[in-house]
Structure formats: C-alpha cells, structure tokens
Amino acid sequence: MKAEERVIGNIEGMLKLSPIACEMLQKAVIEKDRSLLEEISRIERDGDDLRRETARIIYKGAFIPYLRSNILRLVEDVDDILNTVDKAGKYCRKINDLDFIRSSIEVGRLLEINVLLCKIMSKNFIEFFKDPEKLKEAAIVVRMLEKEADNMKHSALESLRSRDIEFWDGLFTFNFIESIEEISDVVEDTMDTLQVIVLGL
C-alpha cells in the first residue's frame, strides 16, 4: 500500500471513531452510565495512536510538499474532534447531579447533532475526494448544524442560569455544555480543511 493510501486510511479510521465516541457520550448521559465515559477515553487514545502513526508517514515523505501542511492540519483537526469529545466526557464525569443535562431538550439536541456531524464526515470521507460537489453540499449541511448547535448551547446555558444548582455542579455542567458545542465547531473546522485539500488536488 502506498504511503498516501495509508495516510488516507488512517484519517478515515480516526473519523470512524468519532461517531462511536459521540454516541457513547449521548448514551452515558441518557442512561447515567459513567463507565461509558472511560470507554470514550480509550477511543481517544486509539485515535491518538493513529495520529502519531499518520504524522510519521507524512514526515517521511507522503504527499507532495505543498499538500503536506494541510494534510497534517486535517489529521490534527480530526484528532481534536476526539479530544473534545473526551474533554466533554471528563466534565460529565465530574457532575454529581446529571438531572439538568438529562432533562434539557437543548443538551439532548446538541448530543444528537454531534453524532450526525461525525457520521456525515466518517461515512462520506473517501467519497468527498471523488465528488467535490458532494463535499460542497455536505459543507452546507455541516454549517447549518453548527449554527443550530450554537443556538442550542446559548439556550441551554440560559436555562442553567435559572436553576438552583450547587456551585461545582453548575461549573462542570457549564463546561460540559460548552464542550459538546465545541465538538460541532471542530467538525466544521475539519470540513473547512478538507475542502482546501480537495480544491488543491
């Protein structure tokens, strides 16, 4: 297998981990199953292993020089998706009373949006290289979902302010909501980087 094919395969592998991690986070909240949060950390470590291996292949000479920096950036962006899901999981682990995030319609929608976004990226990644028009259409959907996620975050935080919650639980809940919205931001960044790469091919 060519070095370039290994890089693309590894990036696809990292992307495929992202909806799994997001679904685990969603399930952990719905079912109050904190053991799933540990599993998210394991997935993040698997993604980190792929990131390091992929960077080594690129530094050894995969891809022509003018593409390398953007390919490396894409690898880092995808890794950042997994890191951000793991960060959200760590905040969730610190919340003693999960009632607010379990009952919040906005938080539920945020978790759902993240799963959708990661599935768009992971299921279509290879196809995006073959069909730039499909990539353009997907980018529009990603931006729409990211905008919705931003609105959901502000609405959830507004609701949080009106709740009587213990200080530390309130802080960790705030950070959790910020983190799950950040996932959509990072997916949008990943899509932007991918568009730059495909346009340069």
Protein backbone atom coordinates (compact mmCIF):
# COMPACT_ATOMS: atom_id res chain seq x y z
CA MET A 1 0.00 0.00 0.00
CA LYS A 2 1.28 3.47 -0.91
CA ALA A 3 2.17 5.89 1.88
CA GLU A 4 -0.59 8.25 0.72
CA GLU A 5 -3.19 5.46 0.87
CA ARG A 6 -2.09 4.59 4.40
CA VAL A 7 -2.48 8.23 5.46
CA ILE A 8 -5.99 8.50 3.98
CA GLY A 9 -6.91 5.13 5.51
CA ASN A 10 -5.70 6.24 8.93
CA ILE A 11 -7.60 9.52 8.75
CA GLU A 12 -10.73 7.61 7.77
CA GLY A 13 -10.10 5.29 10.72
CA MET A 14 -9.88 8.26 13.08
CA LEU A 15 -13.06 9.73 11.63
CA LYS A 16 -14.90 6.44 12.14
CA LEU A 17 -14.05 6.58 15.85
CA SER A 18 -15.73 9.99 16.22
CA PRO A 19 -19.44 9.00 15.90
CA ILE A 20 -18.79 5.99 18.14
CA ALA A 21 -17.38 8.30 20.83
CA CYS A 22 -20.27 10.78 20.39
CA GLU A 23 -22.87 8.01 20.64
CA MET A 24 -21.21 6.74 23.82
CA LEU A 25 -21.34 10.23 25.33
CA GLN A 26 -25.00 10.51 24.37
CA LYS A 27 -25.76 7.10 25.90
CA ALA A 28 -23.75 7.88 29.04
CA VAL A 29 -25.93 10.94 29.66
CA ILE A 30 -29.25 9.26 28.84
CA GLU A 31 -28.55 6.11 30.87
CA LYS A 32 -26.37 7.73 33.57
CA ASP A 33 -23.73 5.13 32.72
CA ARG A 34 -20.37 6.62 33.72
CA SER A 35 -18.48 3.50 32.62
CA LEU A 36 -19.04 4.61 29.02
CA LEU A 37 -17.05 7.77 29.73
CA GLU A 38 -13.98 5.63 30.38
CA GLU A 39 -14.57 3.95 27.03
CA ILE A 40 -14.52 7.36 25.33
CA SER A 41 -11.05 7.96 26.78
CA ARG A 42 -9.90 4.63 25.35
CA ILE A 43 -11.23 5.61 21.91
CA GLU A 44 -9.41 8.95 22.18
CA ARG A 45 -6.15 7.09 22.92
CA ASP A 46 -6.72 4.85 19.88
CA GLY A 47 -7.18 7.98 17.78
CA ASP A 48 -4.01 9.45 19.24
CA ASP A 49 -2.07 6.34 18.21
CA LEU A 50 -3.37 6.72 14.65
CA ARG A 51 -2.49 10.42 14.66
CA ARG A 52 1.12 9.74 15.64
CA GLU A 53 1.50 6.96 13.08
CA THR A 54 -0.03 9.13 10.35
CA ALA A 55 2.21 12.09 11.16
CA ARG A 56 5.28 9.82 10.91
CA ILE A 57 4.22 8.61 7.45
CA ILE A 58 3.68 12.20 6.27
CA TYR A 59 7.03 13.38 7.63
CA LYS A 60 8.71 10.50 5.82
CA GLY A 61 7.53 11.98 2.51
CA ALA A 62 3.91 11.05 1.84
CA PHE A 63 2.20 13.55 -0.49
CA ILE A 64 3.84 16.30 -2.48
CA PRO A 65 5.27 19.12 -0.32
CA TYR A 66 2.59 21.76 -0.93
CA LEU A 67 -0.14 19.37 0.31
CA ARG A 68 1.64 18.11 3.42
CA SER A 69 0.87 21.02 5.75
CA ASN A 70 -2.87 20.83 5.04
CA ILE A 71 -2.91 17.02 5.35
CA LEU A 72 -1.17 17.36 8.73
CA ARG A 73 -3.68 20.01 9.72
CA LEU A 74 -6.53 17.66 8.77
CA VAL A 75 -5.02 14.92 10.94
CA GLU A 76 -4.81 17.37 13.86
CA ASP A 77 -8.39 18.58 13.27
CA VAL A 78 -9.76 15.03 13.33
CA ASP A 79 -7.74 14.26 16.45
CA ASP A 80 -9.18 17.42 18.01
CA ILE A 81 -12.72 16.06 17.49
CA LEU A 82 -11.85 13.01 19.59
CA ASN A 83 -10.02 15.14 22.17
CA THR A 84 -13.04 17.41 22.54
CA VAL A 85 -15.48 14.51 22.97
CA ASP A 86 -13.14 13.11 25.63
CA LYS A 87 -12.95 16.52 27.33
CA ALA A 88 -16.76 16.67 27.44
CA GLY A 89 -16.79 13.17 28.92
CA LYS A 90 -14.36 14.23 31.65
CA TYR A 91 -16.57 17.18 32.60
CA CYS A 92 -19.61 14.89 32.61
CA ARG A 93 -17.79 12.54 34.98
CA LYS A 94 -17.38 15.41 37.48
CA ILE A 95 -21.09 16.31 37.56
CA ASN A 96 -22.75 14.72 40.61
CA ASP A 97 -26.34 15.51 39.66
CA LEU A 98 -27.00 14.76 35.98
CA ASP A 99 -30.69 15.70 36.14
CA PHE A 100 -30.29 19.02 34.33
CA ILE A 101 -28.35 17.71 31.33
CA ARG A 102 -30.57 14.60 31.14
CA SER A 103 -33.78 16.66 31.11
CA SER A 104 -32.55 19.52 28.88
CA ILE A 105 -34.02 19.32 25.37
CA GLU A 106 -31.20 21.56 24.14
CA VAL A 107 -28.46 19.34 25.56
CA GLY A 108 -30.16 16.30 24.05
CA ARG A 109 -30.24 18.00 20.65
CA LEU A 110 -26.58 19.05 20.96
CA LEU A 111 -25.56 15.45 21.61
CA GLU A 112 -27.68 14.33 18.64
CA ILE A 113 -26.17 16.98 16.34
CA ASN A 114 -22.64 15.84 17.19
CA VAL A 115 -23.48 12.26 16.24
CA LEU A 116 -24.97 13.46 12.93
CA LEU A 117 -21.97 15.68 12.13
CA CYS A 118 -19.45 12.94 12.81
CA LYS A 119 -21.44 10.46 10.72
CA ILE A 120 -21.50 12.91 7.79
CA MET A 121 -17.71 13.15 7.94
CA SER A 122 -16.92 9.49 8.55
CA LYS A 123 -19.36 7.90 6.10
CA ASN A 124 -18.53 10.19 3.18
CA PHE A 125 -14.83 10.92 3.70
CA ILE A 126 -13.49 8.89 0.76
CA GLU A 127 -16.40 9.91 -1.46
CA PHE A 128 -15.62 13.59 -0.84
CA PHE A 129 -12.31 13.20 -2.69
CA LYS A 130 -14.10 11.73 -5.71
CA ASP A 131 -17.05 14.11 -5.76
CA PRO A 132 -16.27 17.75 -4.84
CA GLU A 133 -19.93 18.67 -5.39
CA LYS A 134 -20.97 16.23 -2.68
CA LEU A 135 -18.34 17.79 -0.41
CA LYS A 136 -19.75 21.26 -1.08
CA GLU A 137 -23.29 20.09 -0.24
CA ALA A 138 -22.09 18.38 2.94
CA ALA A 139 -20.24 21.54 3.99
CA ILE A 140 -23.52 23.49 3.79
CA VAL A 141 -25.26 20.90 6.00
CA VAL A 142 -22.37 20.98 8.49
CA ARG A 143 -22.56 24.78 8.73
CA MET A 144 -26.33 24.66 9.27
CA LEU A 145 -25.99 22.06 12.03
CA GLU A 146 -23.14 24.00 13.65
CA LYS A 147 -25.30 27.14 13.72
CA GLU A 148 -28.13 25.15 15.31
CA ALA A 149 -25.67 23.75 17.87
CA ASP A 150 -24.58 27.28 18.77
CA ASN A 151 -28.20 28.32 19.32
CA MET A 152 -28.85 25.21 21.42
CA LYS A 153 -25.82 25.99 23.59
CA HIS A 154 -26.95 29.55 24.33
CA SER A 155 -30.47 28.34 25.14
CA ALA A 156 -29.15 25.57 27.44
CA LEU A 157 -26.85 27.98 29.29
CA GLU A 158 -29.72 30.44 29.74
CA SER A 159 -31.79 27.66 31.31
CA LEU A 160 -28.85 26.65 33.50
CA ARG A 161 -28.59 30.17 34.95
CA SER A 162 -32.15 29.97 36.25
CA ARG A 163 -31.58 26.66 38.04
CA ASP A 164 -30.60 26.31 41.70
CA ILE A 165 -27.53 24.09 41.32
CA GLU A 166 -24.60 23.52 43.67
CA PHE A 167 -21.59 25.65 42.60
CA TRP A 168 -19.24 22.91 41.38
CA ASP A 169 -22.02 21.00 39.63
CA GLY A 170 -23.03 24.25 37.94
CA LEU A 171 -19.47 24.94 36.82
CA PHE A 172 -18.91 21.44 35.45
CA THR A 173 -22.32 21.47 33.77
CA PHE A 174 -21.46 24.82 32.14
CA ASN A 175 -18.12 23.41 30.93
CA PHE A 176 -19.83 20.25 29.67
CA ILE A 177 -22.31 22.25 27.59
CA GLU A 178 -19.52 24.45 26.20
CA SER A 179 -17.54 21.32 25.27
CA ILE A 180 -20.34 19.50 23.47
CA GLU A 181 -20.98 22.62 21.41
CA GLU A 182 -17.25 22.90 20.71
CA ILE A 183 -17.39 19.47 19.03
CA SER A 184 -19.54 20.96 16.27
CA ASP A 185 -17.05 23.84 15.86
CA VAL A 186 -14.17 21.40 15.44
CA VAL A 187 -16.11 19.31 12.90
CA GLU A 188 -16.76 22.49 10.91
CA ASP A 189 -13.03 23.33 11.05
CA THR A 190 -12.26 19.80 9.83
CA MET A 191 -14.67 20.23 6.93
CA ASP A 192 -13.04 23.56 6.00
CA THR A 193 -9.58 21.96 5.97
CA LEU A 194 -10.85 19.06 3.87
CA GLN A 195 -12.31 21.48 1.31
CA VAL A 196 -8.95 23.25 0.99
CA ILE A 197 -7.22 19.91 0.38
CA VAL A 198 -9.75 18.69 -2.20
CA LEU A 199 -9.59 22.01 -4.06
CA GLY A 200 -5.80 21.67 -4.18
CA LEU A 201 -5.80 18.20 -5.70
